[in-house]
Amino acid sequence: MKIKFTLNGKIVEFDSVAETRLVDLLKTSAKIQSLRTSCYKGVCRGCSIFFNGDLVASCLIPVFQARDAEIVSYEGLSKSVEIDDIISGFEDEEYFPCDFCRPGKIMTIHSILENYSDPDENQIMEAFEGINCSCTDNSTLIKAVKTGAFYRRRRRRARNI
């Protein structure tokens, strides 16, 4: 079956079996390198994408559901100014997640910052529930998210002046 959707701002079309998992199609056919297939249960967030604006685990979505969807992967987000706030938070707080979990963590942080302009510790930890990479500690993660939120608020305020 033909599946047509928007991926990182471009309309794409692939031929696939309907029950193929979206993560597999994106990795193999669309060559999205940032997706990780660790758990295939939607827990680890290594395969996180924005699907019609919502952060989802692409391993839980059958490809037929992607028809006419708008999908943004880490590769798409990394081309936007939105990622700069997150990276600045990482740098300021010396938060350096490993290459394996970095894309999923950045996608999750972006989702947090889109939903909360000044997230508290509980909101941050709730969003990261299930992500168990030992490359970084939670206290530094929380500081990095809060610093990223500061940069995002400041940038958006400057844009509105």
N, C-alpha and C. Protein backbone atom coordinates (compact mmCIF):
# COMPACT_ATOMS: atom_id res chain seq x y z
N MET A 1 0.84 -1.18 0.00
CA MET A 1 0.00 0.00 0.00
C MET A 1 0.88 1.24 0.00
N LYS A 2 0.40 2.28 -0.64
CA LYS A 2 1.11 3.56 -0.68
C LYS A 2 0.73 4.39 0.54
N ILE A 3 1.74 4.92 1.21
CA ILE A 3 1.55 5.77 2.37
C ILE A 3 2.19 7.12 2.07
N LYS A 4 1.38 8.17 2.12
CA LYS A 4 1.86 9.52 1.85
C LYS A 4 1.65 10.37 3.10
N PHE A 5 2.71 11.09 3.50
CA PHE A 5 2.62 11.96 4.66
C PHE A 5 3.69 13.03 4.55
N THR A 6 3.64 13.98 5.45
CA THR A 6 4.65 15.04 5.50
C THR A 6 5.68 14.66 6.55
N LEU A 7 6.93 14.64 6.15
CA LEU A 7 8.03 14.29 7.04
C LEU A 7 9.01 15.45 7.06
N ASN A 8 9.15 16.06 8.21
CA ASN A 8 10.08 17.18 8.38
C ASN A 8 9.86 18.27 7.32
N GLY A 9 8.59 18.54 7.04
CA GLY A 9 8.23 19.62 6.13
C GLY A 9 8.15 19.24 4.66
N LYS A 10 8.46 17.99 4.31
CA LYS A 10 8.42 17.56 2.92
C LYS A 10 7.41 16.43 2.76
N ILE A 11 6.64 16.48 1.69
CA ILE A 11 5.70 15.41 1.41
C ILE A 11 6.48 14.21 0.86
N VAL A 12 6.25 13.06 1.48
CA VAL A 12 6.93 11.83 1.08
C VAL A 12 5.89 10.74 0.84
N GLU A 13 6.28 9.76 0.06
CA GLU A 13 5.39 8.63 -0.19
C GLU A 13 6.22 7.35 -0.22
N PHE A 14 5.71 6.33 0.46
CA PHE A 14 6.41 5.06 0.53
C PHE A 14 5.43 3.93 0.25
N ASP A 15 5.95 2.85 -0.24
CA ASP A 15 5.17 1.64 -0.44
C ASP A 15 5.50 0.72 0.73
N SER A 16 4.48 0.30 1.47
CA SER A 16 4.72 -0.48 2.67
C SER A 16 3.55 -1.40 2.97
N VAL A 17 3.82 -2.40 3.76
CA VAL A 17 2.78 -3.27 4.29
C VAL A 17 2.11 -2.51 5.43
N ALA A 18 0.79 -2.56 5.50
CA ALA A 18 0.02 -1.74 6.44
C ALA A 18 0.43 -1.93 7.89
N GLU A 19 0.76 -3.14 8.28
CA GLU A 19 1.06 -3.39 9.70
C GLU A 19 2.51 -3.14 10.08
N THR A 20 3.32 -2.65 9.15
CA THR A 20 4.69 -2.26 9.47
C THR A 20 4.65 -1.16 10.52
N ARG A 21 5.56 -1.22 11.45
CA ARG A 21 5.64 -0.16 12.46
C ARG A 21 6.24 1.08 11.81
N LEU A 22 5.70 2.23 12.18
CA LEU A 22 6.18 3.48 11.61
C LEU A 22 7.67 3.68 11.85
N VAL A 23 8.16 3.32 13.02
CA VAL A 23 9.59 3.48 13.31
C VAL A 23 10.44 2.72 12.29
N ASP A 24 10.00 1.53 11.91
CA ASP A 24 10.78 0.74 10.95
C ASP A 24 10.77 1.38 9.56
N LEU A 25 9.63 1.89 9.14
CA LEU A 25 9.55 2.57 7.85
C LEU A 25 10.43 3.83 7.86
N LEU A 26 10.35 4.59 8.94
CA LEU A 26 11.14 5.82 9.01
C LEU A 26 12.64 5.53 9.02
N LYS A 27 13.04 4.48 9.70
CA LYS A 27 14.47 4.14 9.76
C LYS A 27 14.97 3.59 8.42
N THR A 28 14.21 2.69 7.83
CA THR A 28 14.72 2.02 6.63
C THR A 28 14.44 2.79 5.34
N SER A 29 13.21 3.17 5.13
CA SER A 29 12.85 3.82 3.87
C SER A 29 13.15 5.31 3.87
N ALA A 30 12.87 5.99 4.99
CA ALA A 30 13.09 7.44 5.05
C ALA A 30 14.48 7.79 5.55
N LYS A 31 15.23 6.81 6.00
CA LYS A 31 16.62 7.00 6.45
C LYS A 31 16.74 7.97 7.62
N ILE A 32 15.78 7.91 8.55
CA ILE A 32 15.83 8.74 9.75
C ILE A 32 16.77 8.03 10.74
N GLN A 33 17.93 8.60 10.93
CA GLN A 33 18.99 7.95 11.70
C GLN A 33 18.83 8.09 13.22
N SER A 34 18.06 9.08 13.67
CA SER A 34 18.00 9.36 15.10
C SER A 34 17.10 8.41 15.88
N LEU A 35 16.27 7.64 15.19
CA LEU A 35 15.32 6.78 15.88
C LEU A 35 16.00 5.53 16.43
N ARG A 36 15.66 5.19 17.65
CA ARG A 36 16.20 4.00 18.33
C ARG A 36 15.07 3.01 18.54
N THR A 37 15.37 1.77 18.35
CA THR A 37 14.36 0.72 18.55
C THR A 37 14.81 -0.18 19.70
N SER A 38 14.70 0.34 20.89
CA SER A 38 15.17 -0.38 22.07
C SER A 38 14.12 -1.32 22.65
N CYS A 39 12.90 -0.83 22.78
CA CYS A 39 11.93 -1.61 23.54
C CYS A 39 10.72 -2.08 22.73
N TYR A 40 10.38 -1.39 21.66
CA TYR A 40 9.17 -1.67 20.88
C TYR A 40 7.92 -1.72 21.76
N LYS A 41 7.94 -0.98 22.86
CA LYS A 41 6.79 -0.94 23.77
C LYS A 41 6.37 0.50 24.07
N GLY A 42 7.06 1.48 23.51
CA GLY A 42 6.73 2.87 23.74
C GLY A 42 7.20 3.42 25.07
N VAL A 43 8.11 2.72 25.73
CA VAL A 43 8.56 3.12 27.05
C VAL A 43 9.86 3.92 27.01
N CYS A 44 10.80 3.50 26.22
CA CYS A 44 12.15 4.08 26.27
C CYS A 44 12.25 5.45 25.61
N ARG A 45 11.34 5.78 24.74
CA ARG A 45 11.26 7.05 24.02
C ARG A 45 12.39 7.24 23.01
N GLY A 46 13.10 6.21 22.70
CA GLY A 46 14.17 6.31 21.72
C GLY A 46 13.66 6.52 20.30
N CYS A 47 12.39 6.24 20.08
CA CYS A 47 11.80 6.39 18.75
C CYS A 47 10.81 7.55 18.70
N SER A 48 10.98 8.52 19.58
CA SER A 48 10.04 9.64 19.67
C SER A 48 10.01 10.49 18.41
N ILE A 49 8.79 10.83 18.01
CA ILE A 49 8.55 11.75 16.91
C ILE A 49 7.38 12.64 17.31
N PHE A 50 7.22 13.74 16.60
CA PHE A 50 6.00 14.52 16.72
C PHE A 50 5.09 14.07 15.60
N PHE A 51 3.93 13.59 15.98
CA PHE A 51 2.94 13.05 15.05
C PHE A 51 1.71 13.95 15.15
N ASN A 52 1.49 14.76 14.12
CA ASN A 52 0.42 15.75 14.14
C ASN A 52 0.51 16.63 15.39
N GLY A 53 1.74 16.97 15.76
CA GLY A 53 1.98 17.89 16.87
C GLY A 53 2.14 17.25 18.24
N ASP A 54 1.84 15.96 18.36
CA ASP A 54 1.96 15.28 19.65
C ASP A 54 3.20 14.40 19.68
N LEU A 55 3.89 14.41 20.81
CA LEU A 55 5.05 13.53 20.99
C LEU A 55 4.55 12.11 21.19
N VAL A 56 5.01 11.20 20.32
CA VAL A 56 4.57 9.80 20.40
C VAL A 56 5.75 8.87 20.17
N ALA A 57 5.56 7.63 20.58
CA ALA A 57 6.54 6.58 20.30
C ALA A 57 6.18 5.97 18.95
N SER A 58 7.04 6.15 17.97
CA SER A 58 6.73 5.68 16.62
C SER A 58 6.70 4.16 16.51
N CYS A 59 7.22 3.47 17.52
CA CYS A 59 7.18 2.00 17.49
C CYS A 59 5.77 1.48 17.76
N LEU A 60 4.88 2.31 18.26
CA LEU A 60 3.51 1.89 18.57
C LEU A 60 2.51 2.20 17.47
N ILE A 61 2.98 2.85 16.41
CA ILE A 61 2.07 3.29 15.36
C ILE A 61 2.23 2.41 14.12
N PRO A 62 1.14 1.75 13.70
CA PRO A 62 1.21 1.03 12.43
C PRO A 62 1.27 2.06 11.30
N VAL A 63 2.02 1.75 10.28
CA VAL A 63 2.31 2.73 9.24
C VAL A 63 1.04 3.23 8.54
N PHE A 64 0.00 2.44 8.48
CA PHE A 64 -1.21 2.90 7.80
C PHE A 64 -1.81 4.12 8.49
N GLN A 65 -1.56 4.29 9.78
CA GLN A 65 -2.10 5.45 10.51
C GLN A 65 -1.37 6.74 10.16
N ALA A 66 -0.25 6.63 9.48
CA ALA A 66 0.53 7.82 9.12
C ALA A 66 0.01 8.49 7.86
N ARG A 67 -0.93 7.89 7.20
CA ARG A 67 -1.47 8.48 5.97
C ARG A 67 -1.94 9.90 6.24
N ASP A 68 -1.41 10.85 5.47
CA ASP A 68 -1.74 12.28 5.54
C ASP A 68 -1.32 12.95 6.86
N ALA A 69 -0.50 12.30 7.65
CA ALA A 69 -0.04 12.86 8.92
C ALA A 69 1.10 13.84 8.69
N GLU A 70 1.34 14.64 9.69
CA GLU A 70 2.52 15.50 9.70
C GLU A 70 3.45 14.97 10.77
N ILE A 71 4.65 14.57 10.35
CA ILE A 71 5.61 13.93 11.24
C ILE A 71 6.88 14.77 11.27
N VAL A 72 7.37 15.00 12.49
CA VAL A 72 8.65 15.70 12.67
C VAL A 72 9.54 14.80 13.52
N SER A 73 10.69 14.49 12.98
CA SER A 73 11.68 13.69 13.71
C SER A 73 12.72 14.64 14.32
N TYR A 74 13.65 14.07 15.04
CA TYR A 74 14.75 14.86 15.60
C TYR A 74 15.47 15.63 14.48
N GLU A 75 15.64 14.99 13.33
CA GLU A 75 16.31 15.65 12.20
C GLU A 75 15.57 16.93 11.80
N GLY A 76 14.25 16.88 11.80
CA GLY A 76 13.46 18.06 11.46
C GLY A 76 13.54 19.12 12.54
N LEU A 77 13.43 18.70 13.79
CA LEU A 77 13.51 19.64 14.91
C LEU A 77 14.88 20.31 14.95
N SER A 78 15.92 19.56 14.62
CA SER A 78 17.28 20.10 14.71
C SER A 78 17.54 21.23 13.72
N LYS A 79 16.67 21.38 12.73
CA LYS A 79 16.81 22.47 11.75
C LYS A 79 16.04 23.71 12.18
N SER A 80 15.37 23.65 13.31
CA SER A 80 14.58 24.79 13.78
C SER A 80 15.33 25.55 14.87
N VAL A 81 14.93 26.78 15.08
CA VAL A 81 15.52 27.61 16.13
C VAL A 81 15.13 27.08 17.51
N GLU A 82 14.05 26.32 17.59
CA GLU A 82 13.56 25.80 18.86
C GLU A 82 14.60 24.94 19.58
N ILE A 83 15.42 24.26 18.84
CA ILE A 83 16.41 23.37 19.47
C ILE A 83 17.53 24.15 20.15
N ASP A 84 17.76 25.38 19.72
CA ASP A 84 18.84 26.19 20.29
C ASP A 84 18.66 26.42 21.79
N ASP A 85 17.40 26.61 22.21
CA ASP A 85 17.13 26.82 23.64
C ASP A 85 17.55 25.59 24.45
N ILE A 86 17.23 24.43 23.93
CA ILE A 86 17.53 23.17 24.61
C ILE A 86 19.04 22.96 24.68
N ILE A 87 19.71 23.16 23.57
CA ILE A 87 21.17 22.98 23.52
C ILE A 87 21.86 23.97 24.46
N SER A 88 21.36 25.20 24.51
CA SER A 88 21.94 26.19 25.43
C SER A 88 21.77 25.74 26.88
N GLY A 89 20.61 25.17 27.20
CA GLY A 89 20.39 24.62 28.54
C GLY A 89 21.35 23.49 28.84
N PHE A 90 21.59 22.62 27.87
CA PHE A 90 22.55 21.52 28.03
C PHE A 90 23.93 22.07 28.33
N GLU A 91 24.36 23.02 27.51
CA GLU A 91 25.71 23.55 27.66
C GLU A 91 25.90 24.26 28.99
N ASP A 92 24.94 25.11 29.36
CA ASP A 92 25.05 25.86 30.61
C ASP A 92 25.12 24.95 31.83
N GLU A 93 24.37 23.87 31.80
CA GLU A 93 24.32 22.96 32.96
C GLU A 93 25.26 21.77 32.83
N GLU A 94 26.06 21.78 31.76
CA GLU A 94 27.00 20.68 31.51
C GLU A 94 26.30 19.33 31.51
N TYR A 95 25.21 19.29 30.78
CA TYR A 95 24.40 18.08 30.63
C TYR A 95 24.72 17.48 29.27
N PHE A 96 25.31 16.30 29.27
CA PHE A 96 25.77 15.70 28.02
C PHE A 96 25.25 14.27 27.88
N PRO A 97 23.99 14.13 27.42
CA PRO A 97 23.47 12.78 27.22
C PRO A 97 24.22 12.06 26.11
N CYS A 98 24.25 10.76 26.18
CA CYS A 98 24.96 9.96 25.18
C CYS A 98 24.25 10.06 23.82
N ASP A 99 24.95 9.68 22.77
CA ASP A 99 24.38 9.75 21.43
C ASP A 99 23.17 8.85 21.26
N PHE A 100 23.07 7.81 22.07
CA PHE A 100 21.94 6.90 21.96
C PHE A 100 20.64 7.55 22.43
N CYS A 101 20.68 8.20 23.57
CA CYS A 101 19.44 8.75 24.13
C CYS A 101 19.22 10.23 23.83
N ARG A 102 20.23 10.91 23.33
CA ARG A 102 20.14 12.36 23.08
C ARG A 102 18.94 12.76 22.22
N PRO A 103 18.70 12.15 21.05
CA PRO A 103 17.55 12.59 20.25
C PRO A 103 16.22 12.46 20.99
N GLY A 104 15.99 11.33 21.66
CA GLY A 104 14.74 11.14 22.39
C GLY A 104 14.58 12.12 23.53
N LYS A 105 15.68 12.42 24.21
CA LYS A 105 15.62 13.38 25.31
C LYS A 105 15.34 14.78 24.79
N ILE A 106 15.95 15.16 23.70
CA ILE A 106 15.70 16.49 23.14
C ILE A 106 14.25 16.60 22.67
N MET A 107 13.73 15.56 22.04
CA MET A 107 12.33 15.60 21.60
C MET A 107 11.40 15.73 22.80
N THR A 108 11.71 15.01 23.88
CA THR A 108 10.89 15.08 25.09
C THR A 108 10.98 16.46 25.73
N ILE A 109 12.17 17.02 25.79
CA ILE A 109 12.33 18.36 26.36
C ILE A 109 11.57 19.39 25.52
N HIS A 110 11.65 19.27 24.21
CA HIS A 110 10.90 20.20 23.36
C HIS A 110 9.40 20.11 23.66
N SER A 111 8.91 18.90 23.83
CA SER A 111 7.49 18.72 24.16
C SER A 111 7.16 19.37 25.50
N ILE A 112 8.03 19.20 26.48
CA ILE A 112 7.83 19.82 27.79
C ILE A 112 7.74 21.33 27.63
N LEU A 113 8.69 21.91 26.89
CA LEU A 113 8.75 23.35 26.76
C LEU A 113 7.60 23.92 25.93
N GLU A 114 7.03 23.11 25.08
CA GLU A 114 5.86 23.54 24.32
C GLU A 114 4.61 23.55 25.20
N ASN A 115 4.61 22.71 26.21
CA ASN A 115 3.44 22.59 27.09
C ASN A 115 3.54 23.41 28.37
N TYR A 116 4.76 23.67 28.83
CA TYR A 116 4.98 24.41 30.08
C TYR A 116 6.08 25.44 29.85
N SER A 117 5.75 26.70 30.05
CA SER A 117 6.79 27.72 29.84
C SER A 117 7.82 27.71 30.96
N ASP A 118 7.40 27.26 32.14
CA ASP A 118 8.30 27.18 33.29
C ASP A 118 8.03 25.87 34.03
N PRO A 119 8.48 24.76 33.47
CA PRO A 119 8.13 23.45 34.05
C PRO A 119 8.74 23.25 35.43
N ASP A 120 7.98 22.57 36.30
CA ASP A 120 8.53 22.24 37.61
C ASP A 120 9.14 20.84 37.56
N GLU A 121 9.77 20.48 38.64
CA GLU A 121 10.48 19.19 38.71
C GLU A 121 9.55 18.01 38.43
N ASN A 122 8.34 18.05 38.98
CA ASN A 122 7.40 16.95 38.77
C ASN A 122 6.99 16.82 37.32
N GLN A 123 6.74 17.92 36.64
CA GLN A 123 6.36 17.88 35.24
C GLN A 123 7.50 17.32 34.39
N ILE A 124 8.70 17.69 34.72
CA ILE A 124 9.87 17.20 33.98
C ILE A 124 10.03 15.70 34.21
N MET A 125 10.01 15.27 35.46
CA MET A 125 10.23 13.86 35.75
C MET A 125 9.09 12.98 35.22
N GLU A 126 7.88 13.50 35.23
CA GLU A 126 6.76 12.75 34.66
C GLU A 126 6.97 12.53 33.16
N ALA A 127 7.44 13.54 32.46
CA ALA A 127 7.69 13.43 31.03
C ALA A 127 8.80 12.43 30.72
N PHE A 128 9.73 12.28 31.64
CA PHE A 128 10.87 11.38 31.42
C PHE A 128 10.67 10.00 32.05
N GLU A 129 9.52 9.74 32.58
CA GLU A 129 9.25 8.44 33.18
C GLU A 129 9.47 7.35 32.14
N GLY A 130 10.25 6.36 32.49
CA GLY A 130 10.52 5.25 31.58
C GLY A 130 11.82 5.37 30.81
N ILE A 131 12.38 6.56 30.73
CA ILE A 131 13.65 6.73 30.03
C ILE A 131 14.76 6.44 31.02
N ASN A 132 15.41 5.33 30.83
CA ASN A 132 16.39 4.86 31.82
C ASN A 132 17.79 4.74 31.25
N CYS A 133 18.34 5.81 30.77
CA CYS A 133 19.72 5.78 30.33
C CYS A 133 20.59 6.29 31.48
N SER A 134 21.64 5.59 31.77
CA SER A 134 22.48 5.96 32.90
C SER A 134 23.59 6.94 32.53
N CYS A 135 23.51 7.55 31.34
CA CYS A 135 24.57 8.45 30.91
C CYS A 135 24.56 9.77 31.68
N THR A 136 23.41 10.13 32.25
CA THR A 136 23.30 11.40 32.98
C THR A 136 22.42 11.21 34.21
N ASP A 137 22.51 12.15 35.12
CA ASP A 137 21.70 12.05 36.33
C ASP A 137 20.49 12.97 36.23
N ASN A 138 19.46 12.65 37.01
CA ASN A 138 18.21 13.39 36.95
C ASN A 138 18.33 14.83 37.42
N SER A 139 19.16 15.10 38.41
CA SER A 139 19.27 16.48 38.90
C SER A 139 19.83 17.41 37.83
N THR A 140 20.82 16.92 37.08
CA THR A 140 21.38 17.74 36.00
C THR A 140 20.38 17.87 34.86
N LEU A 141 19.64 16.82 34.59
CA LEU A 141 18.58 16.87 33.57
C LEU A 141 17.57 17.95 33.93
N ILE A 142 17.11 17.97 35.16
CA ILE A 142 16.12 18.96 35.59
C ILE A 142 16.67 20.37 35.43
N LYS A 143 17.91 20.58 35.83
CA LYS A 143 18.53 21.90 35.68
C LYS A 143 18.62 22.30 34.21
N ALA A 144 19.00 21.34 33.35
CA ALA A 144 19.13 21.62 31.91
C ALA A 144 17.78 22.00 31.30
N VAL A 145 16.72 21.30 31.69
CA VAL A 145 15.38 21.61 31.17
C VAL A 145 14.95 22.99 31.64
N LYS A 146 15.15 23.28 32.90
CA LYS A 146 14.76 24.59 33.44
C LYS A 146 15.55 25.73 32.78
N THR A 147 16.82 25.50 32.52
CA THR A 147 17.63 26.51 31.85
C THR A 147 17.18 26.66 30.40
N GLY A 148 16.88 25.55 29.74
CA GLY A 148 16.35 25.62 28.38
C GLY A 148 15.02 26.37 28.34
N ALA A 149 14.19 26.16 29.36
CA ALA A 149 12.90 26.88 29.45
C ALA A 149 13.14 28.38 29.60
N PHE A 150 14.13 28.74 30.38
CA PHE A 150 14.49 30.16 30.54
C PHE A 150 14.86 30.77 29.18
N TYR A 151 15.72 30.07 28.43
CA TYR A 151 16.13 30.58 27.13
C TYR A 151 14.95 30.67 26.17
N ARG A 152 14.05 29.70 26.21
CA ARG A 152 12.88 29.72 25.33
C ARG A 152 11.98 30.90 25.67
N ARG A 153 11.72 31.13 26.96
CA ARG A 153 10.88 32.27 27.36
C ARG A 153 11.52 33.59 26.91
N ARG A 154 12.81 33.71 27.14
CA ARG A 154 13.52 34.94 26.79
C ARG A 154 13.48 35.18 25.28
N ARG A 155 13.70 34.13 24.50
CA ARG A 155 13.69 34.27 23.04
C ARG A 155 12.29 34.64 22.54
N ARG A 156 11.29 33.99 23.08
CA ARG A 156 9.93 34.27 22.63
C ARG A 156 9.47 35.67 23.05
N ARG A 157 9.88 36.12 24.24
CA ARG A 157 9.55 37.48 24.66
C ARG A 157 10.21 38.50 23.75
N ALA A 158 11.47 38.27 23.39
CA ALA A 158 12.19 39.18 22.51
C ALA A 158 11.52 39.25 21.14
N ARG A 159 11.00 38.14 20.68
CA ARG A 159 10.32 38.09 19.39
C ARG A 159 9.03 38.89 19.41
N ASN A 160 8.38 38.95 20.57
CA ASN A 160 7.10 39.64 20.69
C ASN A 160 7.23 41.14 20.98
N ILE A 161 8.44 41.60 21.19
CA ILE A 161 8.63 43.03 21.52
C ILE A 161 8.57 43.86 20.26
